[in-house]
């Protein structure tokens, strides 16, 4: 289902030629100051992604979804 589709999409991107790591994690290391707007955007994205994965896992019946979503 949807969890497999998300995981497949991520795996495809990671295996792509020229992949240089997660753009969000790379940005977080470039801008480590927690009050910098880029760092804050990275934190917001990570929160959104974790919540989205948790919701997808819950829909798929994976419980406890919160722990699995991290």
PDB file of N, CA and C in Angstrom:
ATOM      1  N   UNK A   1       0.786  -1.176   0.000  1.00  0.00           N
ATOM      2  CA  UNK A   1       0.000   0.000   0.000  1.00  0.00           C
ATOM      3  C   UNK A   1       0.842   1.260   0.000  1.00  0.00           C
ATOM      4  N   UNK A   2       0.338   2.230   0.693  1.00  0.00           N
ATOM      5  CA  UNK A   2       0.958   3.556   0.674  1.00  0.00           C
ATOM      6  C   UNK A   2       2.311   3.584   1.381  1.00  0.00           C
ATOM      7  N   UNK A   3       2.462   2.796   2.445  1.00  0.00           N
ATOM      8  CA  UNK A   3       3.757   2.750   3.141  1.00  0.00           C
ATOM      9  C   UNK A   3       4.821   2.212   2.194  1.00  0.00           C
ATOM     10  N   UNK A   4       4.486   1.154   1.493  1.00  0.00           N
ATOM     11  CA  UNK A   4       5.436   0.553   0.545  1.00  0.00           C
ATOM     12  C   UNK A   4       5.778   1.543  -0.577  1.00  0.00           C
ATOM     13  N   UNK A   5       4.793   2.310  -1.026  1.00  0.00           N
ATOM     14  CA  UNK A   5       5.032   3.292  -2.087  1.00  0.00           C
ATOM     15  C   UNK A   5       5.997   4.383  -1.622  1.00  0.00           C
ATOM     16  N   UNK A   6       5.801   4.868  -0.404  1.00  0.00           N
ATOM     17  CA  UNK A   6       6.699   5.899   0.134  1.00  0.00           C
ATOM     18  C   UNK A   6       8.112   5.334   0.283  1.00  0.00           C
ATOM     19  N   UNK A   7       8.218   4.148   0.862  1.00  0.00           N
ATOM     20  CA  UNK A   7       9.533   3.530   1.051  1.00  0.00           C
ATOM     21  C   UNK A   7      10.206   3.271  -0.295  1.00  0.00           C
ATOM     22  N   UNK A   8       9.434   2.819  -1.274  1.00  0.00           N
ATOM     23  CA  UNK A   8       9.981   2.567  -2.603  1.00  0.00           C
ATOM     24  C   UNK A   8      10.486   3.836  -3.262  1.00  0.00           C
ATOM     25  N   UNK A   9       9.749   4.902  -3.092  1.00  0.00           N
ATOM     26  CA  UNK A   9      10.160   6.182  -3.666  1.00  0.00           C
ATOM     27  C   UNK A   9      11.461   6.673  -3.037  1.00  0.00           C
ATOM     28  N   UNK A  10      11.560   6.540  -1.727  1.00  0.00           N
ATOM     29  CA  UNK A  10      12.786   6.951  -1.034  1.00  0.00           C
ATOM     30  C   UNK A  10      13.959   6.078  -1.486  1.00  0.00           C
ATOM     31  N   UNK A  11      13.742   4.774  -1.553  1.00  0.00           N
ATOM     32  CA  UNK A  11      14.808   3.858  -1.967  1.00  0.00           C
ATOM     33  C   UNK A  11      15.273   4.167  -3.387  1.00  0.00           C
ATOM     34  N   UNK A  12      14.330   4.483  -4.258  1.00  0.00           N
ATOM     35  CA  UNK A  12      14.679   4.826  -5.639  1.00  0.00           C
ATOM     36  C   UNK A  12      15.561   6.075  -5.676  1.00  0.00           C
ATOM     37  N   UNK A  13      15.202   7.072  -4.889  1.00  0.00           N
ATOM     38  CA  UNK A  13      15.987   8.302  -4.857  1.00  0.00           C
ATOM     39  C   UNK A  13      17.382   8.088  -4.307  1.00  0.00           C
ATOM     40  N   UNK A  14      17.491   7.278  -3.269  1.00  0.00           N
ATOM     41  CA  UNK A  14      18.786   7.013  -2.637  1.00  0.00           C
ATOM     42  C   UNK A  14      19.720   6.269  -3.591  1.00  0.00           C
ATOM     43  N   UNK A  15      19.152   5.411  -4.418  1.00  0.00           N
ATOM     44  CA  UNK A  15      19.969   4.633  -5.355  1.00  0.00           C
ATOM     45  C   UNK A  15      20.293   5.389  -6.640  1.00  0.00           C
ATOM     46  N   UNK A  16      19.715   6.561  -6.830  1.00  0.00           N
ATOM     47  CA  UNK A  16      19.919   7.314  -8.067  1.00  0.00           C
ATOM     48  C   UNK A  16      21.373   7.775  -8.187  1.00  0.00           C
ATOM     49  N   UNK A  17      21.893   7.739  -9.411  1.00  0.00           N
ATOM     50  CA  UNK A  17      23.254   8.251  -9.613  1.00  0.00           C
ATOM     51  C   UNK A  17      23.339   9.711  -9.157  1.00  0.00           C
ATOM     52  N   UNK A  18      24.396  10.029  -8.490  1.00  0.00           N
ATOM     53  CA  UNK A  18      24.601  11.399  -8.050  1.00  0.00           C
ATOM     54  C   UNK A  18      23.917  11.762  -6.744  1.00  0.00           C
ATOM     55  N   UNK A  19      23.252  10.797  -6.114  1.00  0.00           N
ATOM     56  CA  UNK A  19      22.603  11.089  -4.831  1.00  0.00           C
ATOM     57  C   UNK A  19      23.659  11.520  -3.831  1.00  0.00           C
ATOM     58  N   UNK A  20      23.421  12.648  -3.179  1.00  0.00           N
ATOM     59  CA  UNK A  20      24.414  13.199  -2.254  1.00  0.00           C
ATOM     60  C   UNK A  20      23.862  13.335  -0.847  1.00  0.00           C
ATOM     61  N   UNK A  21      22.953  12.480  -0.493  1.00  0.00           N
ATOM     62  CA  UNK A  21      22.381  12.511   0.846  1.00  0.00           C
ATOM     63  C   UNK A  21      21.098  13.305   0.880  1.00  0.00           C
ATOM     64  N   UNK A  22      20.417  13.201   1.979  1.00  0.00           N
ATOM     65  CA  UNK A  22      19.156  13.909   2.171  1.00  0.00           C
ATOM     66  C   UNK A  22      19.419  15.415   2.196  1.00  0.00           C
ATOM     67  N   UNK A  23      18.737  16.142   1.342  1.00  0.00           N
ATOM     68  CA  UNK A  23      18.930  17.594   1.273  1.00  0.00           C
ATOM     69  C   UNK A  23      18.606  18.264   2.606  1.00  0.00           C
ATOM     70  N   UNK A  24      17.613  17.736   3.315  1.00  0.00           N
ATOM     71  CA  UNK A  24      17.237  18.333   4.594  1.00  0.00           C
ATOM     72  C   UNK A  24      18.310  18.091   5.654  1.00  0.00           C
ATOM     73  N   UNK A  25      18.833  16.875   5.714  1.00  0.00           N
ATOM     74  CA  UNK A  25      19.894  16.605   6.689  1.00  0.00           C
ATOM     75  C   UNK A  25      21.169  17.356   6.334  1.00  0.00           C
ATOM     76  N   UNK A  26      21.458  17.461   5.050  1.00  0.00           N
ATOM     77  CA  UNK A  26      22.621  18.239   4.630  1.00  0.00           C
ATOM     78  C   UNK A  26      22.464  19.698   5.042  1.00  0.00           C
ATOM     79  N   UNK A  27      21.269  20.244   4.854  1.00  0.00           N
ATOM     80  CA  UNK A  27      21.016  21.637   5.235  1.00  0.00           C
ATOM     81  C   UNK A  27      21.150  21.828   6.743  1.00  0.00           C
ATOM     82  N   UNK A  28      20.685  20.850   7.508  1.00  0.00           N
ATOM     83  CA  UNK A  28      20.779  20.952   8.970  1.00  0.00           C
ATOM     84  C   UNK A  28      22.234  21.008   9.423  1.00  0.00           C
ATOM     85  N   UNK A  29      23.106  20.275   8.744  1.00  0.00           N
ATOM     86  CA  UNK A  29      24.520  20.316   9.128  1.00  0.00           C
ATOM     87  C   UNK A  29      25.180  21.612   8.677  1.00  0.00           C
ATOM     88  N   UNK A  30      24.700  22.187   7.589  1.00  0.00           N
ATOM     89  CA  UNK A  30      25.243  23.463   7.112  1.00  0.00           C
ATOM     90  C   UNK A  30      24.778  24.636   7.974  1.00  0.00           C
ATOM     91  N   UNK A  31      23.597  24.493   8.563  1.00  0.00           N
ATOM     92  CA  UNK A  31      23.001  25.557   9.383  1.00  0.00           C
ATOM     93  C   UNK A  31      22.604  24.990  10.747  1.00  0.00           C
ATOM     94  N   UNK A  32      23.578  24.719  11.619  1.00  0.00           N
ATOM     95  CA  UNK A  32      23.281  24.063  12.896  1.00  0.00           C
ATOM     96  C   UNK A  32      22.608  24.954  13.944  1.00  0.00           C
ATOM     97  N   UNK A  33      22.620  26.259  13.735  1.00  0.00           N
ATOM     98  CA  UNK A  33      22.005  27.171  14.709  1.00  0.00           C
ATOM     99  C   UNK A  33      20.495  26.941  14.730  1.00  0.00           C
ATOM    100  N   UNK A  34      19.943  26.499  15.858  1.00  0.00           N
ATOM    101  CA  UNK A  34      18.519  26.145  15.915  1.00  0.00           C
ATOM    102  C   UNK A  34      17.558  27.301  15.645  1.00  0.00           C
ATOM    103  N   UNK A  35      18.031  28.535  15.686  1.00  0.00           N
ATOM    104  CA  UNK A  35      17.135  29.658  15.391  1.00  0.00           C
ATOM    105  C   UNK A  35      17.242  30.124  13.935  1.00  0.00           C
ATOM    106  N   UNK A  36      18.171  29.557  13.187  1.00  0.00           N
ATOM    107  CA  UNK A  36      18.314  29.931  11.778  1.00  0.00           C
ATOM    108  C   UNK A  36      17.085  29.438  11.007  1.00  0.00           C
ATOM    109  N   UNK A  37      16.549  30.243  10.102  1.00  0.00           N
ATOM    110  CA  UNK A  37      15.338  29.848   9.366  1.00  0.00           C
ATOM    111  C   UNK A  37      15.474  28.531   8.604  1.00  0.00           C
ATOM    112  N   UNK A  38      16.647  28.264   8.053  1.00  0.00           N
ATOM    113  CA  UNK A  38      16.825  27.002   7.324  1.00  0.00           C
ATOM    114  C   UNK A  38      16.775  25.829   8.293  1.00  0.00           C
ATOM    115  N   UNK A  39      17.451  25.955   9.415  1.00  0.00           N
ATOM    116  CA  UNK A  39      17.423  24.877  10.413  1.00  0.00           C
ATOM    117  C   UNK A  39      15.994  24.644  10.901  1.00  0.00           C
ATOM    118  N   UNK A  40      15.265  25.718  11.125  1.00  0.00           N
ATOM    119  CA  UNK A  40      13.878  25.596  11.580  1.00  0.00           C
ATOM    120  C   UNK A  40      13.011  24.914  10.526  1.00  0.00           C
ATOM    121  N   UNK A  41      13.266  25.203   9.250  1.00  0.00           N
ATOM    122  CA  UNK A  41      12.521  24.551   8.170  1.00  0.00           C
ATOM    123  C   UNK A  41      12.815  23.054   8.140  1.00  0.00           C
ATOM    124  N   UNK A  42      14.068  22.693   8.386  1.00  0.00           N
ATOM    125  CA  UNK A  42      14.444  21.277   8.432  1.00  0.00           C
ATOM    126  C   UNK A  42      13.712  20.578   9.573  1.00  0.00           C
ATOM    127  N   UNK A  43      13.699  21.187  10.739  1.00  0.00           N
ATOM    128  CA  UNK A  43      13.013  20.599  11.894  1.00  0.00           C
ATOM    129  C   UNK A  43      11.523  20.442  11.600  1.00  0.00           C
ATOM    130  N   UNK A  44      10.919  21.440  10.984  1.00  0.00           N
ATOM    131  CA  UNK A  44       9.496  21.364  10.639  1.00  0.00           C
ATOM    132  C   UNK A  44       9.238  20.247   9.641  1.00  0.00           C
ATOM    133  N   UNK A  45      10.133  20.081   8.667  1.00  0.00           N
ATOM    134  CA  UNK A  45       9.964  19.009   7.680  1.00  0.00           C
ATOM    135  C   UNK A  45      10.087  17.640   8.333  1.00  0.00           C
ATOM    136  N   UNK A  46      11.066  17.482   9.204  1.00  0.00           N
ATOM    137  CA  UNK A  46      11.252  16.190   9.887  1.00  0.00           C
ATOM    138  C   UNK A  46      10.027  15.844  10.726  1.00  0.00           C
ATOM    139  N   UNK A  47       9.456  16.844  11.388  1.00  0.00           N
ATOM    140  CA  UNK A  47       8.245  16.628  12.187  1.00  0.00           C
ATOM    141  C   UNK A  47       7.096  16.205  11.280  1.00  0.00           C
ATOM    142  N   UNK A  48       6.912  16.923  10.167  1.00  0.00           N
ATOM    143  CA  UNK A  48       5.855  16.584   9.217  1.00  0.00           C
ATOM    144  C   UNK A  48       6.045  15.164   8.685  1.00  0.00           C
ATOM    145  N   UNK A  49       7.283  14.820   8.306  1.00  0.00           N
ATOM    146  CA  UNK A  49       7.536  13.502   7.732  1.00  0.00           C
ATOM    147  C   UNK A  49       7.257  12.403   8.752  1.00  0.00           C
ATOM    148  N   UNK A  50       7.717  12.579   9.983  1.00  0.00           N
ATOM    149  CA  UNK A  50       7.472  11.574  11.027  1.00  0.00           C
ATOM    150  C   UNK A  50       5.979  11.412  11.282  1.00  0.00           C
ATOM    151  N   UNK A  51       5.248  12.512  11.316  1.00  0.00           N
ATOM    152  CA  UNK A  51       3.795  12.433  11.520  1.00  0.00           C
ATOM    153  C   UNK A  51       3.115  11.732  10.353  1.00  0.00           C
ATOM    154  N   UNK A  52       3.550  12.029   9.139  1.00  0.00           N
ATOM    155  CA  UNK A  52       2.964  11.408   7.950  1.00  0.00           C
ATOM    156  C   UNK A  52       3.219   9.908   7.937  1.00  0.00           C
ATOM    157  N   UNK A  53       4.452   9.503   8.209  1.00  0.00           N
ATOM    158  CA  UNK A  53       4.779   8.073   8.237  1.00  0.00           C
ATOM    159  C   UNK A  53       4.001   7.376   9.347  1.00  0.00           C
ATOM    160  N   UNK A  54       3.887   8.009  10.490  1.00  0.00           N
ATOM    161  CA  UNK A  54       3.120   7.430  11.601  1.00  0.00           C
ATOM    162  C   UNK A  54       1.665   7.222  11.197  1.00  0.00           C
ATOM    163  N   UNK A  55       1.072   8.208  10.529  1.00  0.00           N
ATOM    164  CA  UNK A  55      -0.315   8.075  10.069  1.00  0.00           C
ATOM    165  C   UNK A  55      -0.455   6.943   9.060  1.00  0.00           C
ATOM    166  N   UNK A  56       0.474   6.850   8.124  1.00  0.00           N
ATOM    167  CA  UNK A  56       0.419   5.783   7.126  1.00  0.00           C
ATOM    168  C   UNK A  56       0.547   4.412   7.777  1.00  0.00           C
ATOM    169  N   UNK A  57       1.442   4.296   8.752  1.00  0.00           N
ATOM    170  CA  UNK A  57       1.611   3.020   9.447  1.00  0.00           C
ATOM    171  C   UNK A  57       0.359   2.663  10.240  1.00  0.00           C
ATOM    172  N   UNK A  58      -0.257   3.649  10.871  1.00  0.00           N
ATOM    173  CA  UNK A  58      -1.493   3.393  11.620  1.00  0.00           C
ATOM    174  C   UNK A  58      -2.596   2.932  10.677  1.00  0.00           C
ATOM    175  N   UNK A  59      -2.713   3.578   9.505  1.00  0.00           N
ATOM    176  CA  UNK A  59      -3.711   3.168   8.513  1.00  0.00           C
ATOM    177  C   UNK A  59      -3.476   1.732   8.059  1.00  0.00           C
ATOM    178  N   UNK A  60      -2.203   1.332   8.009  1.00  0.00           N
ATOM    179  CA  UNK A  60      -1.858  -0.016   7.568  1.00  0.00           C
ATOM    180  C   UNK A  60      -1.991  -1.038   8.690  1.00  0.00           C
ATOM    181  N   UNK A  61      -2.322  -0.577   9.894  1.00  0.00           N
ATOM    182  CA  UNK A  61      -2.512  -1.486  11.019  1.00  0.00           C
ATOM    183  C   UNK A  61      -1.248  -1.806  11.785  1.00  0.00           C
ATOM    184  N   UNK A  62      -0.178  -1.075  11.553  1.00  0.00           N
ATOM    185  CA  UNK A  62       1.072  -1.294  12.283  1.00  0.00           C
ATOM    186  C   UNK A  62       0.998  -0.540  13.605  1.00  0.00           C
ATOM    187  N   UNK A  63       0.948  -1.262  14.683  1.00  0.00           N
ATOM    188  CA  UNK A  63       0.846  -0.633  15.997  1.00  0.00           C
ATOM    189  C   UNK A  63       1.949  -1.168  16.899  1.00  0.00           C
ATOM    190  N   UNK A  64       2.575  -0.374  17.727  1.00  0.00           N
ATOM    191  CA  UNK A  64       2.341   1.060  17.886  1.00  0.00           C
ATOM    192  C   UNK A  64       2.980   1.846  16.747  1.00  0.00           C
ATOM    193  N   UNK A  65       2.174   2.539  15.992  1.00  0.00           N
ATOM    194  CA  UNK A  65       2.637   3.252  14.805  1.00  0.00           C
ATOM    195  C   UNK A  65       3.616   4.360  15.148  1.00  0.00           C
ATOM    196  N   UNK A  66       3.425   5.033  16.278  1.00  0.00           N
ATOM    197  CA  UNK A  66       4.313   6.131  16.658  1.00  0.00           C
ATOM    198  C   UNK A  66       5.754   5.695  16.784  1.00  0.00           C
ATOM    199  N   UNK A  67       5.980   4.572  17.431  1.00  0.00           N
ATOM    200  CA  UNK A  67       7.344   4.071  17.590  1.00  0.00           C
ATOM    201  C   UNK A  67       7.913   3.639  16.250  1.00  0.00           C
ATOM    202  N   UNK A  68       7.106   2.988  15.438  1.00  0.00           N
ATOM    203  CA  UNK A  68       7.574   2.530  14.132  1.00  0.00           C
ATOM    204  C   UNK A  68       7.833   3.703  13.196  1.00  0.00           C
ATOM    205  N   UNK A  69       7.069   4.791  13.346  1.00  0.00           N
ATOM    206  CA  UNK A  69       7.227   5.954  12.490  1.00  0.00           C
ATOM    207  C   UNK A  69       8.514   6.709  12.699  1.00  0.00           C
ATOM    208  N   UNK A  70       9.142   6.485  13.840  1.00  0.00           N
ATOM    209  CA  UNK A  70      10.418   7.164  14.103  1.00  0.00           C
ATOM    210  C   UNK A  70      11.479   6.341  13.487  1.00  0.00           C
TER     211      UNK A  70
END
